PDB file of N, CA and C in Angstrom:
ATOM      1  N   UNK A   1      10.114 137.156 158.388  1.00  0.00           N
ATOM      2  CA  UNK A   1       8.969 137.921 158.890  1.00  0.00           C
ATOM      3  C   UNK A   1       7.754 137.064 158.755  1.00  0.00           C
ATOM      4  N   UNK A   2       6.841 137.062 159.812  1.00  0.00           N
ATOM      5  CA  UNK A   2       5.711 136.317 159.784  1.00  0.00           C
ATOM      6  C   UNK A   2       4.506 137.183 160.125  1.00  0.00           C
ATOM      7  N   UNK A   3       3.407 137.030 159.365  1.00  0.00           N
ATOM      8  CA  UNK A   3       2.204 137.788 159.675  1.00  0.00           C
ATOM      9  C   UNK A   3       1.009 136.910 159.400  1.00  0.00           C
ATOM     10  N   UNK A   4       0.240 136.683 160.409  1.00  0.00           N
ATOM     11  CA  UNK A   4      -0.964 135.774 160.315  1.00  0.00           C
ATOM     12  C   UNK A   4      -0.572 134.426 159.771  1.00  0.00           C
ATOM     13  N   UNK A   5       0.545 133.883 160.183  1.00  0.00           N
ATOM     14  CA  UNK A   5       0.912 132.560 159.752  1.00  0.00           C
ATOM     15  C   UNK A   5       1.643 132.471 158.376  1.00  0.00           C
ATOM     16  N   UNK A   6       1.733 133.560 157.710  1.00  0.00           N
ATOM     17  CA  UNK A   6       2.370 133.601 156.394  1.00  0.00           C
ATOM     18  C   UNK A   6       3.785 134.094 156.544  1.00  0.00           C
ATOM     19  N   UNK A   7       4.751 133.341 156.021  1.00  0.00           N
ATOM     20  CA  UNK A   7       6.145 133.776 156.099  1.00  0.00           C
ATOM     21  C   UNK A   7       6.570 134.535 154.876  1.00  0.00           C
ATOM     22  N   UNK A   8       7.493 135.548 155.122  1.00  0.00           N
ATOM     23  CA  UNK A   8       8.054 136.283 153.977  1.00  0.00           C
ATOM     24  C   UNK A   8       9.538 136.446 154.221  1.00  0.00           C
ATOM     25  N   UNK A   9      10.206 136.775 153.203  1.00  0.00           N
ATOM     26  CA  UNK A   9      11.709 136.944 153.211  1.00  0.00           C
ATOM     27  C   UNK A   9      12.047 138.178 152.431  1.00  0.00           C
ATOM     28  N   UNK A  10      12.861 139.016 153.018  1.00  0.00           N
ATOM     29  CA  UNK A  10      13.330 140.224 152.317  1.00  0.00           C
ATOM     30  C   UNK A  10      14.861 140.065 152.132  1.00  0.00           C
ATOM     31  N   UNK A  11      15.217 140.164 150.865  1.00  0.00           N
ATOM     32  CA  UNK A  11      16.654 140.042 150.485  1.00  0.00           C
ATOM     33  C   UNK A  11      16.926 141.184 149.516  1.00  0.00           C
ATOM     34  N   UNK A  12      17.736 142.120 149.922  1.00  0.00           N
ATOM     35  CA  UNK A  12      18.056 143.279 149.144  1.00  0.00           C
ATOM     36  C   UNK A  12      16.742 144.039 148.840  1.00  0.00           C
ATOM     37  N   UNK A  13      16.506 144.256 147.542  1.00  0.00           N
ATOM     38  CA  UNK A  13      15.350 145.007 147.156  1.00  0.00           C
ATOM     39  C   UNK A  13      14.064 144.166 146.957  1.00  0.00           C
ATOM     40  N   UNK A  14      14.171 142.837 147.210  1.00  0.00           N
ATOM     41  CA  UNK A  14      13.094 141.893 146.945  1.00  0.00           C
ATOM     42  C   UNK A  14      12.432 141.396 148.188  1.00  0.00           C
ATOM     43  N   UNK A  15      11.148 141.317 148.117  1.00  0.00           N
ATOM     44  CA  UNK A  15      10.349 140.733 149.223  1.00  0.00           C
ATOM     45  C   UNK A  15       9.535 139.582 148.639  1.00  0.00           C
ATOM     46  N   UNK A  16       9.746 138.346 149.175  1.00  0.00           N
ATOM     47  CA  UNK A  16       9.032 137.172 148.686  1.00  0.00           C
ATOM     48  C   UNK A  16       8.072 136.786 149.800  1.00  0.00           C
ATOM     49  N   UNK A  17       6.833 136.510 149.445  1.00  0.00           N
ATOM     50  CA  UNK A  17       5.806 136.000 150.368  1.00  0.00           C
ATOM     51  C   UNK A  17       5.358 134.639 149.895  1.00  0.00           C
ATOM     52  N   UNK A  18       5.509 133.647 150.712  1.00  0.00           N
ATOM     53  CA  UNK A  18       5.147 132.284 150.300  1.00  0.00           C
ATOM     54  C   UNK A  18       3.613 132.153 150.065  1.00  0.00           C
ATOM     55  N   UNK A  19       3.237 131.250 149.210  1.00  0.00           N
ATOM     56  CA  UNK A  19       1.766 131.036 148.979  1.00  0.00           C
ATOM     57  C   UNK A  19       1.099 130.541 150.262  1.00  0.00           C
ATOM     58  N   UNK A  20      -0.155 130.993 150.435  1.00  0.00           N
ATOM     59  CA  UNK A  20      -0.872 130.598 151.649  1.00  0.00           C
ATOM     60  C   UNK A  20      -2.445 130.672 151.354  1.00  0.00           C
ATOM     61  N   UNK A  21      -3.127 129.865 152.132  1.00  0.00           N
ATOM     62  CA  UNK A  21      -4.556 129.902 152.030  1.00  0.00           C
ATOM     63  C   UNK A  21      -5.144 130.910 152.958  1.00  0.00           C
ATOM     64  N   UNK A  22      -6.466 130.906 153.081  1.00  0.00           N
ATOM     65  CA  UNK A  22      -7.080 131.887 153.978  1.00  0.00           C
ATOM     66  C   UNK A  22      -7.547 133.092 153.229  1.00  0.00           C
ATOM     67  N   UNK A  23      -8.273 133.865 154.011  1.00  0.00           N
ATOM     68  CA  UNK A  23      -8.851 135.082 153.370  1.00  0.00           C
ATOM     69  C   UNK A  23      -7.763 136.118 153.065  1.00  0.00           C
ATOM     70  N   UNK A  24      -7.924 136.934 152.015  1.00  0.00           N
ATOM     71  CA  UNK A  24      -6.986 137.978 151.697  1.00  0.00           C
ATOM     72  C   UNK A  24      -7.208 139.200 152.512  1.00  0.00           C
ATOM     73  N   UNK A  25      -8.397 139.410 152.991  1.00  0.00           N
ATOM     74  CA  UNK A  25      -8.680 140.594 153.760  1.00  0.00           C
ATOM     75  C   UNK A  25      -9.377 140.223 155.080  1.00  0.00           C
ATOM     76  N   UNK A  26      -9.081 140.947 156.170  1.00  0.00           N
ATOM     77  CA  UNK A  26      -9.804 140.837 157.387  1.00  0.00           C
ATOM     78  C   UNK A  26     -11.055 141.686 157.297  1.00  0.00           C
ATOM     79  N   UNK A  27     -12.263 140.974 157.251  1.00  0.00           N
ATOM     80  CA  UNK A  27     -13.472 141.729 156.976  1.00  0.00           C
ATOM     81  C   UNK A  27     -13.824 142.621 158.112  1.00  0.00           C
ATOM     82  N   UNK A  28     -13.311 142.487 159.323  1.00  0.00           N
ATOM     83  CA  UNK A  28     -13.636 143.389 160.411  1.00  0.00           C
ATOM     84  C   UNK A  28     -12.833 144.642 160.463  1.00  0.00           C
ATOM     85  N   UNK A  29     -11.549 144.564 159.938  1.00  0.00           N
ATOM     86  CA  UNK A  29     -10.694 145.735 159.982  1.00  0.00           C
ATOM     87  C   UNK A  29     -10.375 146.296 158.645  1.00  0.00           C
ATOM     88  N   UNK A  30     -10.811 145.570 157.572  1.00  0.00           N
ATOM     89  CA  UNK A  30     -10.507 145.845 156.179  1.00  0.00           C
ATOM     90  C   UNK A  30      -9.006 145.945 155.959  1.00  0.00           C
ATOM     91  N   UNK A  31      -8.284 145.012 156.595  1.00  0.00           N
ATOM     92  CA  UNK A  31      -6.812 144.967 156.586  1.00  0.00           C
ATOM     93  C   UNK A  31      -6.397 143.764 155.650  1.00  0.00           C
ATOM     94  N   UNK A  32      -5.449 144.055 154.720  1.00  0.00           N
ATOM     95  CA  UNK A  32      -4.930 142.977 153.903  1.00  0.00           C
ATOM     96  C   UNK A  32      -4.104 142.039 154.722  1.00  0.00           C
ATOM     97  N   UNK A  33      -4.273 140.737 154.557  1.00  0.00           N
ATOM     98  CA  UNK A  33      -3.606 139.723 155.363  1.00  0.00           C
ATOM     99  C   UNK A  33      -2.427 139.110 154.688  1.00  0.00           C
ATOM    100  N   UNK A  34      -2.180 139.344 153.436  1.00  0.00           N
ATOM    101  CA  UNK A  34      -1.039 138.781 152.723  1.00  0.00           C
ATOM    102  C   UNK A  34      -1.267 137.384 152.225  1.00  0.00           C
ATOM    103  N   UNK A  35      -2.483 136.868 152.378  1.00  0.00           N
ATOM    104  CA  UNK A  35      -2.724 135.466 151.926  1.00  0.00           C
ATOM    105  C   UNK A  35      -2.999 135.499 150.403  1.00  0.00           C
ATOM    106  N   UNK A  36      -2.375 134.537 149.759  1.00  0.00           N
ATOM    107  CA  UNK A  36      -2.616 134.370 148.276  1.00  0.00           C
ATOM    108  C   UNK A  36      -2.159 132.946 147.933  1.00  0.00           C
ATOM    109  N   UNK A  37      -2.928 132.266 147.123  1.00  0.00           N
ATOM    110  CA  UNK A  37      -2.532 130.910 146.771  1.00  0.00           C
ATOM    111  C   UNK A  37      -1.252 130.863 145.845  1.00  0.00           C
ATOM    112  N   UNK A  38      -0.928 131.999 145.271  1.00  0.00           N
ATOM    113  CA  UNK A  38       0.199 132.113 144.422  1.00  0.00           C
ATOM    114  C   UNK A  38       1.397 132.745 145.188  1.00  0.00           C
ATOM    115  N   UNK A  39       2.685 132.487 144.789  1.00  0.00           N
ATOM    116  CA  UNK A  39       3.786 133.144 145.410  1.00  0.00           C
ATOM    117  C   UNK A  39       3.705 134.661 145.039  1.00  0.00           C
ATOM    118  N   UNK A  40       4.212 135.453 146.009  1.00  0.00           N
ATOM    119  CA  UNK A  40       4.257 136.912 145.740  1.00  0.00           C
ATOM    120  C   UNK A  40       5.679 137.431 145.838  1.00  0.00           C
ATOM    121  N   UNK A  41       6.043 138.300 144.920  1.00  0.00           N
ATOM    122  CA  UNK A  41       7.314 138.865 144.891  1.00  0.00           C
ATOM    123  C   UNK A  41       7.223 140.380 144.537  1.00  0.00           C
ATOM    124  N   UNK A  42       7.770 141.157 145.378  1.00  0.00           N
ATOM    125  CA  UNK A  42       7.689 142.642 145.200  1.00  0.00           C
ATOM    126  C   UNK A  42       9.118 143.254 145.136  1.00  0.00           C
ATOM    127  N   UNK A  43       9.259 144.180 144.238  1.00  0.00           N
ATOM    128  CA  UNK A  43      10.517 144.967 144.110  1.00  0.00           C
ATOM    129  C   UNK A  43      10.353 146.224 145.022  1.00  0.00           C
ATOM    130  N   UNK A  44      10.876 146.170 146.235  1.00  0.00           N
ATOM    131  CA  UNK A  44      10.663 147.238 147.227  1.00  0.00           C
ATOM    132  C   UNK A  44      11.413 148.522 146.835  1.00  0.00           C
ATOM    133  N   UNK A  45      12.315 148.452 145.888  1.00  0.00           N
ATOM    134  CA  UNK A  45      13.034 149.667 145.404  1.00  0.00           C
ATOM    135  C   UNK A  45      12.043 150.568 144.651  1.00  0.00           C
ATOM    136  N   UNK A  46      11.053 149.985 144.032  1.00  0.00           N
ATOM    137  CA  UNK A  46      10.145 150.837 143.256  1.00  0.00           C
ATOM    138  C   UNK A  46       8.621 150.621 143.647  1.00  0.00           C
ATOM    139  N   UNK A  47       8.390 149.720 144.631  1.00  0.00           N
ATOM    140  CA  UNK A  47       7.020 149.315 144.973  1.00  0.00           C
ATOM    141  C   UNK A  47       6.949 149.109 146.477  1.00  0.00           C
ATOM    142  N   UNK A  48       7.128 150.178 147.291  1.00  0.00           N
ATOM    143  CA  UNK A  48       7.100 149.994 148.731  1.00  0.00           C
ATOM    144  C   UNK A  48       5.724 149.604 149.212  1.00  0.00           C
ATOM    145  N   UNK A  49       4.650 149.945 148.544  1.00  0.00           N
ATOM    146  CA  UNK A  49       3.367 149.597 148.868  1.00  0.00           C
ATOM    147  C   UNK A  49       2.936 148.178 148.560  1.00  0.00           C
ATOM    148  N   UNK A  50       3.859 147.417 147.858  1.00  0.00           N
ATOM    149  CA  UNK A  50       3.619 146.040 147.473  1.00  0.00           C
ATOM    150  C   UNK A  50       2.295 145.899 146.733  1.00  0.00           C
ATOM    151  N   UNK A  51       2.173 146.687 145.618  1.00  0.00           N
ATOM    152  CA  UNK A  51       0.980 146.731 144.780  1.00  0.00           C
ATOM    153  C   UNK A  51       1.062 145.835 143.579  1.00  0.00           C
ATOM    154  N   UNK A  52       2.348 145.643 143.104  1.00  0.00           N
ATOM    155  CA  UNK A  52       2.542 144.821 141.879  1.00  0.00           C
ATOM    156  C   UNK A  52       3.327 143.657 142.135  1.00  0.00           C
ATOM    157  N   UNK A  53       2.626 142.491 142.047  1.00  0.00           N
ATOM    158  CA  UNK A  53       3.353 141.198 142.283  1.00  0.00           C
ATOM    159  C   UNK A  53       4.078 140.804 140.942  1.00  0.00           C
ATOM    160  N   UNK A  54       5.393 140.719 141.014  1.00  0.00           N
ATOM    161  CA  UNK A  54       6.193 140.472 139.860  1.00  0.00           C
ATOM    162  C   UNK A  54       6.755 139.016 139.828  1.00  0.00           C
ATOM    163  N   UNK A  55       6.120 138.163 140.638  1.00  0.00           N
ATOM    164  CA  UNK A  55       6.636 136.802 140.748  1.00  0.00           C
ATOM    165  C   UNK A  55       6.695 136.074 139.401  1.00  0.00           C
ATOM    166  N   UNK A  56       5.708 136.267 138.540  1.00  0.00           N
ATOM    167  CA  UNK A  56       5.655 135.645 137.244  1.00  0.00           C
ATOM    168  C   UNK A  56       6.815 136.096 136.329  1.00  0.00           C
ATOM    169  N   UNK A  57       7.224 137.267 136.571  1.00  0.00           N
ATOM    170  CA  UNK A  57       8.370 137.802 135.790  1.00  0.00           C
ATOM    171  C   UNK A  57       9.775 137.330 136.246  1.00  0.00           C
ATOM    172  N   UNK A  58       9.864 136.809 137.422  1.00  0.00           N
ATOM    173  CA  UNK A  58      11.171 136.385 138.018  1.00  0.00           C
ATOM    174  C   UNK A  58      11.035 134.989 138.653  1.00  0.00           C
ATOM    175  N   UNK A  59      10.753 133.954 137.820  1.00  0.00           N
ATOM    176  CA  UNK A  59      10.510 132.624 138.429  1.00  0.00           C
ATOM    177  C   UNK A  59      11.771 132.067 139.152  1.00  0.00           C
ATOM    178  N   UNK A  60      12.920 132.364 138.587  1.00  0.00           N
ATOM    179  CA  UNK A  60      14.138 131.843 139.198  1.00  0.00           C
ATOM    180  C   UNK A  60      14.404 132.466 140.554  1.00  0.00           C
ATOM    181  N   UNK A  61      14.186 133.730 140.724  1.00  0.00           N
ATOM    182  CA  UNK A  61      14.302 134.408 141.982  1.00  0.00           C
ATOM    183  C   UNK A  61      13.268 133.929 143.001  1.00  0.00           C
ATOM    184  N   UNK A  62      12.005 133.690 142.552  1.00  0.00           N
ATOM    185  CA  UNK A  62      10.988 133.138 143.420  1.00  0.00           C
ATOM    186  C   UNK A  62      11.390 131.758 143.921  1.00  0.00           C
ATOM    187  N   UNK A  63      11.873 130.895 143.028  1.00  0.00           N
ATOM    188  CA  UNK A  63      12.316 129.581 143.349  1.00  0.00           C
ATOM    189  C   UNK A  63      13.432 129.603 144.421  1.00  0.00           C
ATOM    190  N   UNK A  64      14.443 130.449 144.180  1.00  0.00           N
ATOM    191  CA  UNK A  64      15.630 130.577 145.043  1.00  0.00           C
ATOM    192  C   UNK A  64      15.224 131.065 146.407  1.00  0.00           C
ATOM    193  N   UNK A  65      14.307 132.077 146.433  1.00  0.00           N
ATOM    194  CA  UNK A  65      13.916 132.688 147.725  1.00  0.00           C
ATOM    195  C   UNK A  65      12.994 131.635 148.523  1.00  0.00           C
ATOM    196  N   UNK A  66      12.193 130.894 147.756  1.00  0.00           N
ATOM    197  CA  UNK A  66      11.353 129.836 148.369  1.00  0.00           C
ATOM    198  C   UNK A  66      12.191 128.828 149.084  1.00  0.00           C
ATOM    199  N   UNK A  67      13.297 128.385 148.391  1.00  0.00           N
ATOM    200  CA  UNK A  67      14.204 127.398 148.968  1.00  0.00           C
ATOM    201  C   UNK A  67      14.876 127.982 150.240  1.00  0.00           C
ATOM    202  N   UNK A  68      15.282 129.234 150.116  1.00  0.00           N
ATOM    203  CA  UNK A  68      15.948 129.843 151.254  1.00  0.00           C
ATOM    204  C   UNK A  68      15.037 129.954 152.429  1.00  0.00           C
ATOM    205  N   UNK A  69      13.830 130.273 152.255  1.00  0.00           N
ATOM    206  CA  UNK A  69      12.765 130.427 153.265  1.00  0.00           C
ATOM    207  C   UNK A  69      12.561 129.047 153.926  1.00  0.00           C
ATOM    208  N   UNK A  70      12.501 128.011 153.137  1.00  0.00           N
ATOM    209  CA  UNK A  70      12.333 126.665 153.715  1.00  0.00           C
ATOM    210  C   UNK A  70      13.479 126.290 154.590  1.00  0.00           C
ATOM    211  N   UNK A  71      14.695 126.678 154.156  1.00  0.00           N
ATOM    212  CA  UNK A  71      15.928 126.315 154.966  1.00  0.00           C
ATOM    213  C   UNK A  71      15.799 127.124 156.282  1.00  0.00           C
ATOM    214  N   UNK A  72      15.391 128.374 156.277  1.00  0.00           N
ATOM    215  CA  UNK A  72      15.331 129.110 157.459  1.00  0.00           C
ATOM    216  C   UNK A  72      14.281 128.594 158.423  1.00  0.00           C
ATOM    217  N   UNK A  73      13.178 128.097 157.886  1.00  0.00           N
ATOM    218  CA  UNK A  73      12.060 127.553 158.641  1.00  0.00           C
ATOM    219  C   UNK A  73      12.533 126.289 159.448  1.00  0.00           C
ATOM    220  N   UNK A  74      13.444 125.503 158.777  1.00  0.00           N
ATOM    221  CA  UNK A  74      13.942 124.309 159.505  1.00  0.00           C
ATOM    222  C   UNK A  74      14.828 124.721 160.553  1.00  0.00           C
TER     223      UNK A  74
END
């Protein structure tokens, strides 16, 4: 999935969003853009609104999903 140049990967209950630069919010529409300099990981089974980034709690999963996303990109 790509939104505003930022790629993400959903695998099972997990959604990984790769780190990216740029503004976090569109100032004209007040819409979140998904940009963050840190990797983002959300457990969609309990957080459909993607409010709690749990990447720091699951570094192995973040690493594995980042590698998988790089493979897909190629």
